[in-house]
């Protein structure tokens, strides 16, 4: 079963912040992790990923820096800021409420 991308795409910022809560990372690695964790069912488009990075950086939720990759190539890494940690917990709470509401609406057995 494939998950509709539109359902998840609205939560791109939360997904990126969740990955950065674990460790600093770069775009390709974050997207590869998302693909792996979703069992191959979801992958962000590159434009969506980098648009989200830009938005999160402008909001002060993440910062970027240049670092060396394992192959010696320079990569732009992202790190979460204290503001980003607060935003992550806020988005996580919103997601919890959303799941609760959706479960109530989709699993309701009573007729009105």
Protein backbone atom coordinates (compact mmCIF):
# COMPACT_ATOMS: atom_id res chain seq x y z
CA UNK A 1 0.00 0.00 0.00
CA UNK A 2 1.43 3.36 -1.01
CA UNK A 3 0.85 6.37 1.22
CA UNK A 4 -0.47 9.43 -0.56
CA UNK A 5 2.37 11.91 -0.78
CA UNK A 6 0.02 14.86 -0.28
CA UNK A 7 -0.88 13.61 3.19
CA UNK A 8 2.75 13.49 4.26
CA UNK A 9 4.08 16.49 2.33
CA UNK A 10 2.23 18.85 4.67
CA UNK A 11 4.47 17.55 7.44
CA UNK A 12 7.81 17.94 5.66
CA UNK A 13 9.17 20.42 8.19
CA UNK A 14 8.30 18.12 11.09
CA UNK A 15 9.94 15.16 9.34
CA UNK A 16 13.15 17.11 8.69
CA UNK A 17 13.26 18.46 12.24
CA UNK A 18 12.73 14.93 13.58
CA UNK A 19 15.75 13.69 11.61
CA UNK A 20 17.87 16.62 12.82
CA UNK A 21 16.84 15.94 16.44
CA UNK A 22 18.88 12.73 16.07
CA UNK A 23 21.99 14.24 14.46
CA UNK A 24 23.27 16.82 12.00
CA UNK A 25 22.84 15.66 8.44
CA UNK A 26 22.76 16.71 4.78
CA UNK A 27 19.96 16.61 2.23
CA UNK A 28 20.70 13.35 0.44
CA UNK A 29 21.24 11.48 3.70
CA UNK A 30 18.00 12.82 5.20
CA UNK A 31 16.04 11.81 2.12
CA UNK A 32 17.65 8.37 2.07
CA UNK A 33 16.73 7.89 5.74
CA UNK A 34 13.13 8.95 5.07
CA UNK A 35 12.93 6.43 2.23
CA UNK A 36 14.37 3.68 4.43
CA UNK A 37 12.21 4.44 7.47
CA UNK A 38 9.08 4.53 5.30
CA UNK A 39 9.90 1.11 3.85
CA UNK A 40 10.40 2.67 0.43
CA UNK A 41 6.89 4.14 0.40
CA UNK A 42 7.80 7.82 0.67
CA UNK A 43 10.57 9.97 -0.74
CA UNK A 44 10.70 13.75 -0.77
CA UNK A 45 11.28 15.45 -4.08
CA UNK A 46 14.58 17.33 -4.06
CA UNK A 47 12.85 20.67 -4.65
CA UNK A 48 10.49 20.06 -1.71
CA UNK A 49 13.37 19.08 0.56
CA UNK A 50 15.50 22.12 -0.23
CA UNK A 51 12.53 24.50 -0.11
CA UNK A 52 11.84 23.22 3.39
CA UNK A 53 15.50 23.64 4.38
CA UNK A 54 15.38 27.25 3.17
CA UNK A 55 12.14 27.97 5.04
CA UNK A 56 13.40 26.34 8.26
CA UNK A 57 16.66 28.27 8.03
CA UNK A 58 14.84 31.58 7.48
CA UNK A 59 12.69 30.82 10.55
CA UNK A 60 15.83 30.18 12.59
CA UNK A 61 14.88 26.54 13.24
CA UNK A 62 17.98 25.14 11.54
CA UNK A 63 21.44 26.35 10.57
CA UNK A 64 23.65 25.09 7.79
CA UNK A 65 27.40 24.68 7.59
CA UNK A 66 29.87 23.16 5.18
CA UNK A 67 31.48 19.87 6.14
CA UNK A 68 33.51 17.10 4.57
CA UNK A 69 31.75 13.92 3.52
CA UNK A 70 33.23 10.44 3.74
CA UNK A 71 34.50 10.73 0.16
CA UNK A 72 36.12 14.09 0.80
CA UNK A 73 33.34 15.97 -0.97
CA UNK A 74 32.10 19.13 0.71
CA UNK A 75 28.48 18.88 1.80
CA UNK A 76 26.07 21.36 3.30
CA UNK A 77 25.05 19.98 6.68
CA UNK A 78 22.08 21.11 8.71
CA UNK A 79 21.77 21.33 12.48
CA UNK A 80 18.71 22.04 14.59
CA UNK A 81 18.65 25.17 16.78
CA UNK A 82 16.95 25.61 20.17
CA UNK A 83 14.09 27.33 18.28
CA UNK A 84 13.92 24.32 15.97
CA UNK A 85 13.65 21.96 18.95
CA UNK A 86 10.70 23.98 20.25
CA UNK A 87 9.11 23.94 16.78
CA UNK A 88 9.64 20.17 16.55
CA UNK A 89 7.83 19.54 19.85
CA UNK A 90 5.02 21.86 18.78
CA UNK A 91 4.65 20.08 15.42
CA UNK A 92 4.79 16.69 17.15
CA UNK A 93 1.92 17.74 19.43
CA UNK A 94 -0.05 19.01 16.42
CA UNK A 95 0.52 15.68 14.67
CA UNK A 96 -0.76 13.81 17.74
CA UNK A 97 -3.95 15.89 17.72
CA UNK A 98 -4.34 15.40 13.97
CA UNK A 99 -4.02 11.61 14.31
CA UNK A 100 -6.57 11.60 17.13
CA UNK A 101 -9.08 13.64 15.13
CA UNK A 102 -8.58 11.58 11.97
CA UNK A 103 -8.98 8.31 13.90
CA UNK A 104 -12.21 9.58 15.43
CA UNK A 105 -13.55 10.70 12.05
CA UNK A 106 -12.48 7.66 10.05
CA UNK A 107 -13.28 4.98 12.59
CA UNK A 108 -16.60 6.38 13.82
CA UNK A 109 -19.30 3.72 13.68
CA UNK A 110 -22.28 5.79 14.65
CA UNK A 111 -24.69 7.36 12.22
CA UNK A 112 -25.80 10.93 12.67
